[in-house]
């Protein structure tokens, strides 16, 4: 998933790790609730209509406004927000929702360049992955007893 991560209130919405953290504790959110939060954060301060949110979260699905209202309610509960006196998500009656808290946008750091040097004795302690062809053709058959849990007869 590409795009920025966000800090708001005591929370950090980490798009790279696809999670929300509060004071070093991961906030348990379903993928749909996390998508909803990230979409609201992407458009912080702007009114997002119910139709825009439904299209973004349930593209091509026949979903009612009640599903969206339930998702917003669950997200508010996870964030400790209150619809009556919102800190994060404000309901705009019969229109949609707006993320109202101050948000710090944090751009993702660029990925490190791919390593192009061959393995040498100096970097041999780094982890490596070996790929083996285990197809059972007559040429590549693994002798009995060579796999864990198998016995030689």
C-alpha atoms as a PDB file:
ATOM      1  CA  UNK A   1       0.000   0.000   0.000  1.00  0.00           C
ATOM      2  CA  UNK A   2       1.547   3.279  -1.026  1.00  0.00           C
ATOM      3  CA  UNK A   3       0.995   6.761   0.268  1.00  0.00           C
ATOM      4  CA  UNK A   4       1.684   8.699   3.420  1.00  0.00           C
ATOM      5  CA  UNK A   5       1.260   7.668   7.028  1.00  0.00           C
ATOM      6  CA  UNK A   6      -0.343  10.032   9.535  1.00  0.00           C
ATOM      7  CA  UNK A   7       0.004  11.203  13.128  1.00  0.00           C
ATOM      8  CA  UNK A   8      -3.077  12.596  14.867  1.00  0.00           C
ATOM      9  CA  UNK A   9      -3.716  13.000  18.575  1.00  0.00           C
ATOM     10  CA  UNK A  10      -1.989  10.080  20.346  1.00  0.00           C
ATOM     11  CA  UNK A  11      -2.286   7.891  17.224  1.00  0.00           C
ATOM     12  CA  UNK A  12       0.015   6.930  14.384  1.00  0.00           C
ATOM     13  CA  UNK A  13      -1.697   5.471  11.291  1.00  0.00           C
ATOM     14  CA  UNK A  14       1.078   3.480   9.647  1.00  0.00           C
ATOM     15  CA  UNK A  15       0.195   2.806   6.024  1.00  0.00           C
ATOM     16  CA  UNK A  16       3.390   0.790   5.380  1.00  0.00           C
ATOM     17  CA  UNK A  17       2.724  -1.677   8.205  1.00  0.00           C
ATOM     18  CA  UNK A  18      -1.051  -1.316   7.722  1.00  0.00           C
ATOM     19  CA  UNK A  19      -1.875  -0.633  11.352  1.00  0.00           C
ATOM     20  CA  UNK A  20      -2.726   2.075  13.882  1.00  0.00           C
ATOM     21  CA  UNK A  21      -0.643   2.509  17.021  1.00  0.00           C
ATOM     22  CA  UNK A  22      -1.473   4.417  20.195  1.00  0.00           C
ATOM     23  CA  UNK A  23       1.312   4.839  22.749  1.00  0.00           C
ATOM     24  CA  UNK A  24       3.262   1.843  21.362  1.00  0.00           C
ATOM     25  CA  UNK A  25       0.148  -0.368  21.449  1.00  0.00           C
ATOM     26  CA  UNK A  26      -1.491  -1.580  18.254  1.00  0.00           C
ATOM     27  CA  UNK A  27      -5.156  -0.579  18.003  1.00  0.00           C
ATOM     28  CA  UNK A  28      -7.213  -3.564  16.844  1.00  0.00           C
ATOM     29  CA  UNK A  29      -9.010  -2.539  13.647  1.00  0.00           C
ATOM     30  CA  UNK A  30     -10.520  -4.649  10.905  1.00  0.00           C
ATOM     31  CA  UNK A  31      -9.092  -4.025   7.423  1.00  0.00           C
ATOM     32  CA  UNK A  32     -12.308  -2.195   6.450  1.00  0.00           C
ATOM     33  CA  UNK A  33     -12.052   0.153   9.457  1.00  0.00           C
ATOM     34  CA  UNK A  34      -8.394   0.823   8.729  1.00  0.00           C
ATOM     35  CA  UNK A  35      -9.254   1.588   5.087  1.00  0.00           C
ATOM     36  CA  UNK A  36     -11.986   3.959   6.287  1.00  0.00           C
ATOM     37  CA  UNK A  37      -9.585   5.745   8.634  1.00  0.00           C
ATOM     38  CA  UNK A  38      -6.879   6.074   5.979  1.00  0.00           C
ATOM     39  CA  UNK A  39      -9.408   7.422   3.473  1.00  0.00           C
ATOM     40  CA  UNK A  40     -10.621  10.010   5.991  1.00  0.00           C
ATOM     41  CA  UNK A  41      -7.014  10.955   6.784  1.00  0.00           C
ATOM     42  CA  UNK A  42      -6.151  11.229   3.076  1.00  0.00           C
ATOM     43  CA  UNK A  43      -8.935  13.836   2.828  1.00  0.00           C
ATOM     44  CA  UNK A  44      -8.525  15.403   6.270  1.00  0.00           C
ATOM     45  CA  UNK A  45     -10.636  18.520   6.759  1.00  0.00           C
ATOM     46  CA  UNK A  46     -12.750  17.860   3.651  1.00  0.00           C
ATOM     47  CA  UNK A  47     -16.343  16.710   3.693  1.00  0.00           C
ATOM     48  CA  UNK A  48     -16.554  13.184   2.321  1.00  0.00           C
ATOM     49  CA  UNK A  49     -20.073  12.359   1.230  1.00  0.00           C
ATOM     50  CA  UNK A  50     -21.604   9.015   2.061  1.00  0.00           C
ATOM     51  CA  UNK A  51     -21.520   8.148  -1.628  1.00  0.00           C
ATOM     52  CA  UNK A  52     -17.788   8.926  -1.887  1.00  0.00           C
ATOM     53  CA  UNK A  53     -17.037   6.755   1.128  1.00  0.00           C
ATOM     54  CA  UNK A  54     -19.244   3.901  -0.063  1.00  0.00           C
ATOM     55  CA  UNK A  55     -17.562   3.974  -3.482  1.00  0.00           C
ATOM     56  CA  UNK A  56     -14.086   4.055  -1.929  1.00  0.00           C
ATOM     57  CA  UNK A  57     -14.647   1.302   0.640  1.00  0.00           C
ATOM     58  CA  UNK A  58     -17.100  -0.983  -1.143  1.00  0.00           C
ATOM     59  CA  UNK A  59     -16.488  -0.380  -4.861  1.00  0.00           C
ATOM     60  CA  UNK A  60     -19.173  -1.948  -7.028  1.00  0.00           C
ATOM     61  CA  UNK A  61     -20.994  -3.470  -4.036  1.00  0.00           C
ATOM     62  CA  UNK A  62     -24.593  -2.781  -3.141  1.00  0.00           C
ATOM     63  CA  UNK A  63     -24.104  -1.501   0.419  1.00  0.00           C
ATOM     64  CA  UNK A  64     -26.482   0.660   2.428  1.00  0.00           C
ATOM     65  CA  UNK A  65     -25.733   3.810   4.400  1.00  0.00           C
ATOM     66  CA  UNK A  66     -26.253   1.712   7.537  1.00  0.00           C
ATOM     67  CA  UNK A  67     -23.069  -0.285   6.821  1.00  0.00           C
ATOM     68  CA  UNK A  68     -21.112   2.956   6.579  1.00  0.00           C
ATOM     69  CA  UNK A  69     -22.704   4.356   9.749  1.00  0.00           C
ATOM     70  CA  UNK A  70     -21.825   1.126  11.591  1.00  0.00           C
ATOM     71  CA  UNK A  71     -18.228   1.252  10.338  1.00  0.00           C
ATOM     72  CA  UNK A  72     -17.861   4.900  11.436  1.00  0.00           C
ATOM     73  CA  UNK A  73     -19.350   4.024  14.834  1.00  0.00           C
ATOM     74  CA  UNK A  74     -16.895   1.138  15.309  1.00  0.00           C
ATOM     75  CA  UNK A  75     -13.981   3.328  14.223  1.00  0.00           C
ATOM     76  CA  UNK A  76     -15.011   6.054  16.669  1.00  0.00           C
ATOM     77  CA  UNK A  77     -15.202   3.477  19.447  1.00  0.00           C
ATOM     78  CA  UNK A  78     -11.703   2.143  18.624  1.00  0.00           C
ATOM     79  CA  UNK A  79     -10.301   5.699  18.663  1.00  0.00           C
ATOM     80  CA  UNK A  80     -12.166   6.676  21.846  1.00  0.00           C
ATOM     81  CA  UNK A  81     -14.138   9.303  19.918  1.00  0.00           C
ATOM     82  CA  UNK A  82     -17.687  10.440  20.690  1.00  0.00           C
ATOM     83  CA  UNK A  83     -20.219  11.425  18.025  1.00  0.00           C
ATOM     84  CA  UNK A  84     -21.758  14.039  20.355  1.00  0.00           C
ATOM     85  CA  UNK A  85     -18.461  15.837  21.014  1.00  0.00           C
ATOM     86  CA  UNK A  86     -16.124  14.551  18.301  1.00  0.00           C
ATOM     87  CA  UNK A  87     -12.351  14.920  18.466  1.00  0.00           C
ATOM     88  CA  UNK A  88     -11.633  13.070  15.225  1.00  0.00           C
ATOM     89  CA  UNK A  89     -14.654  12.246  13.053  1.00  0.00           C
ATOM     90  CA  UNK A  90     -17.510  14.731  12.704  1.00  0.00           C
ATOM     91  CA  UNK A  91     -20.835  13.752  11.189  1.00  0.00           C
ATOM     92  CA  UNK A  92     -22.292  16.262   8.744  1.00  0.00           C
ATOM     93  CA  UNK A  93     -26.021  15.539   8.948  1.00  0.00           C
ATOM     94  CA  UNK A  94     -27.502  13.846   5.851  1.00  0.00           C
ATOM     95  CA  UNK A  95     -24.267  14.513   3.949  1.00  0.00           C
ATOM     96  CA  UNK A  96     -21.268  12.551   5.204  1.00  0.00           C
ATOM     97  CA  UNK A  97     -18.231  12.753   7.451  1.00  0.00           C
ATOM     98  CA  UNK A  98     -15.205  14.972   8.015  1.00  0.00           C
ATOM     99  CA  UNK A  99     -11.931  14.202   9.822  1.00  0.00           C
ATOM    100  CA  UNK A 100     -11.492  17.259  12.051  1.00  0.00           C
ATOM    101  CA  UNK A 101      -8.374  16.651  14.185  1.00  0.00           C
ATOM    102  CA  UNK A 102      -5.028  18.192  13.262  1.00  0.00           C
ATOM    103  CA  UNK A 103      -3.093  15.698  11.143  1.00  0.00           C
ATOM    104  CA  UNK A 104       0.642  15.441  10.459  1.00  0.00           C
ATOM    105  CA  UNK A 105       1.332  13.815   7.107  1.00  0.00           C
ATOM    106  CA  UNK A 106       4.427  11.599   7.102  1.00  0.00           C
ATOM    107  CA  UNK A 107       5.764  10.592   3.721  1.00  0.00           C
ATOM    108  CA  UNK A 108       7.101   7.080   3.391  1.00  0.00           C
ATOM    109  CA  UNK A 109      10.877   6.789   3.282  1.00  0.00           C
ATOM    110  CA  UNK A 110      12.205   5.582  -0.057  1.00  0.00           C
ATOM    111  CA  UNK A 111      13.104   1.911  -0.202  1.00  0.00           C
ATOM    112  CA  UNK A 112      16.805   1.193   0.122  1.00  0.00           C
ATOM    113  CA  UNK A 113      18.561   0.359  -3.142  1.00  0.00           C
ATOM    114  CA  UNK A 114      18.806  -3.298  -4.053  1.00  0.00           C
ATOM    115  CA  UNK A 115      22.041  -4.941  -3.052  1.00  0.00           C
ATOM    116  CA  UNK A 116      24.140  -5.623  -6.115  1.00  0.00           C
ATOM    117  CA  UNK A 117      27.320  -6.951  -4.562  1.00  0.00           C
ATOM    118  CA  UNK A 118      27.830 -10.728  -4.438  1.00  0.00           C
ATOM    119  CA  UNK A 119      28.001 -12.518  -1.111  1.00  0.00           C
ATOM    120  CA  UNK A 120      31.480 -12.527   0.375  1.00  0.00           C
ATOM    121  CA  UNK A 121      33.033 -13.744   3.588  1.00  0.00           C
ATOM    122  CA  UNK A 122      32.556 -10.270   5.114  1.00  0.00           C
ATOM    123  CA  UNK A 123      28.774 -10.283   4.639  1.00  0.00           C
ATOM    124  CA  UNK A 124      28.206 -14.041   5.016  1.00  0.00           C
ATOM    125  CA  UNK A 125      26.458 -13.637   8.386  1.00  0.00           C
ATOM    126  CA  UNK A 126      23.505 -11.870   6.730  1.00  0.00           C
ATOM    127  CA  UNK A 127      20.391 -13.962   6.219  1.00  0.00           C
ATOM    128  CA  UNK A 128      19.955 -15.813   2.964  1.00  0.00           C
ATOM    129  CA  UNK A 129      17.130 -17.755   1.359  1.00  0.00           C
ATOM    130  CA  UNK A 130      17.730 -20.840  -0.735  1.00  0.00           C
ATOM    131  CA  UNK A 131      15.211 -21.926  -3.364  1.00  0.00           C
ATOM    132  CA  UNK A 132      15.074 -25.580  -4.297  1.00  0.00           C
ATOM    133  CA  UNK A 133      13.148 -27.255  -7.074  1.00  0.00           C
ATOM    134  CA  UNK A 134      11.176 -30.001  -5.311  1.00  0.00           C
ATOM    135  CA  UNK A 135       9.062 -31.162  -8.207  1.00  0.00           C
ATOM    136  CA  UNK A 136       8.866 -34.931  -8.334  1.00  0.00           C
ATOM    137  CA  UNK A 137       9.858 -35.668 -11.897  1.00  0.00           C
ATOM    138  CA  UNK A 138      11.995 -38.810 -12.432  1.00  0.00           C
ATOM    139  CA  UNK A 139      15.072 -36.607 -12.865  1.00  0.00           C
ATOM    140  CA  UNK A 140      14.477 -34.453  -9.749  1.00  0.00           C
ATOM    141  CA  UNK A 141      13.072 -37.107  -7.376  1.00  0.00           C
ATOM    142  CA  UNK A 142      14.243 -36.719  -3.783  1.00  0.00           C
ATOM    143  CA  UNK A 143      15.497 -39.988  -2.308  1.00  0.00           C
ATOM    144  CA  UNK A 144      13.369 -41.465   0.486  1.00  0.00           C
ATOM    145  CA  UNK A 145      14.704 -40.469   3.878  1.00  0.00           C
ATOM    146  CA  UNK A 146      16.038 -37.079   2.808  1.00  0.00           C
ATOM    147  CA  UNK A 147      12.963 -35.098   3.855  1.00  0.00           C
ATOM    148  CA  UNK A 148      12.180 -34.333   7.526  1.00  0.00           C
ATOM    149  CA  UNK A 149       9.843 -36.913   9.015  1.00  0.00           C
ATOM    150  CA  UNK A 150      10.544 -39.555   6.365  1.00  0.00           C
ATOM    151  CA  UNK A 151      12.374 -42.824   6.976  1.00  0.00           C
ATOM    152  CA  UNK A 152      14.653 -44.778   4.795  1.00  0.00           C
ATOM    153  CA  UNK A 153      13.687 -48.389   4.188  1.00  0.00           C
END
